[in-house]
Amino acid sequence: MDILSEMEETVKKNSEVSLEASISEKTPKKNLWDEIVEQSEKDKREVEAYIKSKNADSDVFPEPLATMNKVLFPLILEGLVEMLHKIKDDDSFYVSKGIDKKSTLDGLDYLSEYIYNMNPKYPDRKSNWTYIFDMEWVVYYLDQIPRPYYPFHLVWSREFAALKIQSYMRGYWARIRPDVLEVRDFWKALKADKEEKERAELETNVDSKELVLPPLNIK
């Protein structure tokens, strides 16, 4: 009986070892990149848990994509809805036939002002609404790059704006043609070669030029 039990134990152990070996062979191994990503996510979770353990009120920054989907995009949609209500109040939805109606509402300015004041990270801005041209960063930017006195949509007629857009697009389509690109590259290379030669000649003249000192008046 002892010999039989020993044989059974040996067979059982061998079968377990072979089963583990077969499972390990069938299980696909993770490549190096997956291991790096997994370790990075693990480290990030540990850091966030540590920050939360030290200060429960601290902000743990989420993933950029999650921030855009949960915070930024809903805020932009709210701003677009408010802008549509503003346009409706200004009666700027439609243009009467034969009348080129103008509107002083700038969509980008309105949306930027709305997002700035409704930023959830700064709830006090909502109660203290700031006009866009009173914001410090806007004042600084316009001081460096001032705007025209009147925006184009208030100055240009529809026909002139269409002409400018068509002119730009015709120029763009001409510039991206293969034969035009080849000619432009040729002239760019020729200009660069000419500038390089002029620079080399200038350096040669400066190096070869002797330094002439004025005579000393010694009495």
Protein backbone atom coordinates (compact mmCIF):
# COMPACT_ATOMS: atom_id res chain seq x y z
CA MET A 1 0.00 0.00 0.00
CA ASP A 2 2.85 2.36 0.75
CA ILE A 3 4.39 1.80 -2.66
CA LEU A 4 1.02 2.28 -4.36
CA SER A 5 0.33 5.51 -2.47
CA GLU A 6 3.78 6.82 -3.34
CA MET A 7 3.18 6.08 -7.01
CA GLU A 8 -0.18 7.84 -6.89
CA GLU A 9 1.41 10.89 -5.26
CA THR A 10 4.15 10.95 -7.89
CA VAL A 11 1.65 10.70 -10.75
CA LYS A 12 -0.47 13.45 -9.18
CA LYS A 13 2.50 15.80 -8.82
CA ASN A 14 3.65 15.16 -12.38
CA SER A 15 0.17 15.81 -13.72
CA GLU A 16 -0.05 19.10 -11.78
CA VAL A 17 3.33 20.22 -13.08
CA SER A 18 2.42 19.33 -16.67
CA LEU A 19 -0.94 21.14 -16.30
CA GLU A 20 0.76 24.30 -15.01
CA ALA A 21 3.29 24.12 -17.83
CA SER A 22 0.57 23.76 -20.46
CA ILE A 23 -1.39 26.68 -18.98
CA SER A 24 1.70 28.88 -18.93
CA GLU A 25 2.41 27.99 -22.56
CA LYS A 26 -1.15 28.83 -23.65
CA THR A 27 -1.25 32.11 -21.70
CA PRO A 28 0.07 34.89 -23.96
CA LYS A 29 2.93 36.86 -22.55
CA LYS A 30 2.60 40.63 -22.23
CA ASN A 31 4.90 42.64 -24.38
CA LEU A 32 7.19 45.27 -22.93
CA TRP A 33 4.94 48.21 -23.88
CA ASP A 34 1.90 46.70 -22.12
CA GLU A 35 3.98 46.12 -19.01
CA ILE A 36 5.21 49.74 -19.08
CA VAL A 37 1.65 51.09 -19.48
CA GLU A 38 0.33 48.85 -16.73
CA GLN A 39 3.12 49.88 -14.37
CA SER A 40 2.57 53.56 -15.21
CA GLU A 41 -1.15 53.31 -14.47
CA LYS A 42 -0.41 51.52 -11.22
CA ASP A 43 2.08 54.21 -10.15
CA LYS A 44 -0.41 56.93 -11.07
CA ARG A 45 -3.15 55.35 -8.97
CA GLU A 46 -0.76 55.06 -6.04
CA VAL A 47 0.21 58.74 -6.32
CA GLU A 48 -3.44 59.84 -6.51
CA ALA A 49 -4.31 57.68 -3.51
CA TYR A 50 -1.40 59.17 -1.58
CA ILE A 51 -2.50 62.73 -2.42
CA LYS A 52 -6.05 61.98 -1.34
CA SER A 53 -4.83 60.40 1.89
CA LYS A 54 -2.84 63.53 2.76
CA ASN A 55 -5.48 66.03 1.75
CA ALA A 56 -9.02 64.94 0.99
CA ASP A 57 -9.88 68.34 -0.53
CA SER A 58 -7.00 68.36 -2.99
CA ASP A 59 -7.67 68.22 -6.71
CA VAL A 60 -6.36 65.13 -8.46
CA PHE A 61 -6.14 66.08 -12.10
CA PRO A 62 -8.00 63.60 -14.33
CA GLU A 63 -7.03 62.50 -17.80
CA PRO A 64 -7.06 65.33 -20.40
CA LEU A 65 -9.64 63.53 -22.53
CA ALA A 66 -11.92 63.01 -19.53
CA THR A 67 -11.57 66.70 -18.64
CA MET A 68 -12.56 67.74 -22.16
CA ASN A 69 -15.57 65.41 -22.27
CA LYS A 70 -16.86 66.11 -18.76
CA VAL A 71 -15.94 69.77 -18.22
CA LEU A 72 -14.92 71.65 -21.35
CA PHE A 73 -17.33 70.37 -23.99
CA PRO A 74 -20.49 70.72 -21.83
CA LEU A 75 -19.40 74.27 -20.96
CA ILE A 76 -18.88 75.12 -24.63
CA LEU A 77 -22.32 73.69 -25.50
CA GLU A 78 -23.93 75.82 -22.79
CA GLY A 79 -22.11 78.86 -24.18
CA LEU A 80 -23.33 78.11 -27.70
CA VAL A 81 -26.92 77.84 -26.47
CA GLU A 82 -26.62 81.16 -24.62
CA MET A 83 -25.11 82.74 -27.72
CA LEU A 84 -28.07 81.58 -29.81
CA HIS A 85 -30.45 83.16 -27.29
CA LYS A 86 -28.41 86.37 -27.50
CA ILE A 87 -28.57 86.35 -31.30
CA LYS A 88 -32.32 85.78 -31.13
CA ASP A 89 -32.71 88.73 -28.75
CA ASP A 90 -30.66 90.91 -31.12
CA ASP A 91 -32.74 89.70 -34.07
CA SER A 92 -29.58 88.74 -35.95
CA PHE A 93 -30.73 85.33 -37.16
CA TYR A 94 -31.95 86.38 -40.56
CA VAL A 95 -30.91 88.85 -43.22
CA SER A 96 -33.73 90.48 -45.13
CA LYS A 97 -33.62 90.17 -48.88
CA GLY A 98 -31.73 93.04 -50.43
CA ILE A 99 -30.60 94.36 -47.03
CA ASP A 100 -27.11 93.58 -45.76
CA LYS A 101 -27.85 93.68 -42.05
CA LYS A 102 -24.91 93.99 -39.67
CA SER A 103 -24.55 92.73 -36.11
CA THR A 104 -22.06 93.90 -33.52
CA LEU A 105 -22.12 90.52 -31.77
CA ASP A 106 -18.84 88.65 -32.21
CA GLY A 107 -19.38 84.94 -31.63
CA LEU A 108 -15.80 84.16 -30.57
CA ASP A 109 -15.69 87.08 -28.13
CA TYR A 110 -19.02 86.10 -26.61
CA LEU A 111 -18.05 82.45 -26.25
CA SER A 112 -14.64 83.31 -24.76
CA GLU A 113 -16.26 85.65 -22.25
CA TYR A 114 -18.81 83.00 -21.28
CA ILE A 115 -16.24 80.22 -20.79
CA TYR A 116 -13.99 82.52 -18.75
CA ASN A 117 -16.74 83.63 -16.38
CA MET A 118 -18.41 80.22 -16.09
CA ASN A 119 -15.21 78.29 -15.41
CA PRO A 120 -16.11 75.76 -12.66
CA LYS A 121 -12.66 76.13 -11.11
CA TYR A 122 -13.43 79.79 -10.32
CA PRO A 123 -17.05 79.94 -9.10
CA ASP A 124 -16.66 83.54 -7.87
CA ARG A 125 -16.40 84.78 -11.46
CA LYS A 126 -20.03 83.88 -12.08
CA SER A 127 -21.24 86.43 -9.54
CA ASN A 128 -18.62 89.01 -10.61
CA TRP A 129 -19.04 88.92 -14.37
CA THR A 130 -16.09 90.39 -16.28
CA TYR A 131 -16.49 91.93 -19.72
CA ILE A 132 -14.04 90.36 -22.15
CA PHE A 133 -12.24 93.61 -22.97
CA ASP A 134 -11.70 94.24 -19.24
CA MET A 135 -9.80 90.98 -18.71
CA GLU A 136 -6.08 91.44 -18.06
CA TRP A 137 -4.91 88.86 -20.59
CA VAL A 138 -7.15 90.37 -23.28
CA VAL A 139 -5.89 93.89 -22.55
CA TYR A 140 -2.29 92.67 -22.74
CA TYR A 141 -2.87 90.76 -25.97
CA LEU A 142 -4.64 93.64 -27.70
CA ASP A 143 -1.86 95.97 -26.56
CA GLN A 144 0.68 93.74 -28.30
CA ILE A 145 -1.49 92.89 -31.33
CA PRO A 146 -4.18 95.56 -31.67
CA ARG A 147 -7.33 94.82 -33.63
CA PRO A 148 -8.59 96.92 -36.52
CA TYR A 149 -11.01 99.66 -35.54
CA TYR A 150 -13.86 97.70 -37.05
CA PRO A 151 -13.96 93.94 -37.68
CA PHE A 152 -14.23 92.80 -41.26
CA HIS A 153 -17.76 91.48 -40.87
CA LEU A 154 -18.90 95.04 -40.10
CA VAL A 155 -16.91 96.71 -42.89
CA TRP A 156 -16.97 94.28 -45.79
CA SER A 157 -20.04 93.62 -47.88
CA ARG A 158 -21.04 90.05 -48.66
CA GLU A 159 -19.83 90.45 -52.26
CA PHE A 160 -16.42 91.80 -51.20
CA ALA A 161 -16.00 89.09 -48.54
CA ALA A 162 -16.86 86.43 -51.13
CA LEU A 163 -14.32 87.96 -53.50
CA LYS A 164 -11.58 87.88 -50.83
CA ILE A 165 -12.34 84.26 -49.93
CA GLN A 166 -12.37 83.18 -53.57
CA SER A 167 -9.10 85.02 -54.22
CA TYR A 168 -7.42 83.34 -51.27
CA MET A 169 -8.64 79.88 -52.26
CA ARG A 170 -7.55 80.33 -55.89
CA GLY A 171 -4.10 81.32 -54.66
CA TYR A 172 -3.97 78.35 -52.29
CA TRP A 173 -4.99 75.86 -54.97
CA ALA A 174 -2.37 77.32 -57.31
CA ARG A 175 0.39 77.15 -54.69
CA ILE A 176 -0.20 73.46 -53.93
CA ARG A 177 0.06 72.35 -57.56
CA PRO A 178 3.08 70.04 -58.04
CA ASP A 179 4.59 72.11 -60.86
CA VAL A 180 4.20 75.34 -58.88
CA LEU A 181 5.71 73.72 -55.78
CA GLU A 182 8.68 72.60 -57.85
CA VAL A 183 9.29 76.13 -59.15
CA ARG A 184 8.92 77.63 -55.68
CA ASP A 185 11.37 75.11 -54.21
CA PHE A 186 13.84 75.95 -56.99
CA TRP A 187 13.73 79.67 -56.25
CA LYS A 188 13.97 79.05 -52.51
CA ALA A 189 17.08 76.91 -53.01
CA LEU A 190 18.58 79.50 -55.36
CA LYS A 191 17.95 82.29 -52.86
CA ALA A 192 19.43 80.27 -49.99
CA ASP A 193 22.52 79.46 -52.08
CA LYS A 194 22.98 83.13 -52.98
CA GLU A 195 22.66 84.23 -49.34
CA GLU A 196 25.16 81.56 -48.28
CA LYS A 197 27.70 82.77 -50.87
CA GLU A 198 27.26 86.40 -49.81
CA ARG A 199 27.72 85.42 -46.17
CA ALA A 200 30.90 83.48 -46.98
CA GLU A 201 32.33 86.38 -49.00
CA LEU A 202 31.57 88.80 -46.19
CA GLU A 203 33.32 86.59 -43.63
CA THR A 204 36.33 86.22 -45.95
CA ASN A 205 36.62 89.98 -46.44
CA VAL A 206 36.39 90.62 -42.71
CA ASP A 207 39.08 88.02 -41.93
CA SER A 208 41.48 89.25 -44.63
CA LYS A 209 41.06 92.92 -43.89
CA GLU A 210 44.03 94.36 -42.02
CA LEU A 211 43.49 96.48 -38.98
CA VAL A 212 44.96 99.93 -39.67
CA LEU A 213 45.67 102.04 -36.59
CA PRO A 214 45.82 105.82 -36.83
CA PRO A 215 49.28 107.36 -36.31
CA LEU A 216 50.14 108.44 -32.81
CA ASN A 217 50.88 112.11 -32.30
CA ILE A 218 53.83 111.94 -29.91
CA LYS A 219 55.49 115.22 -29.10
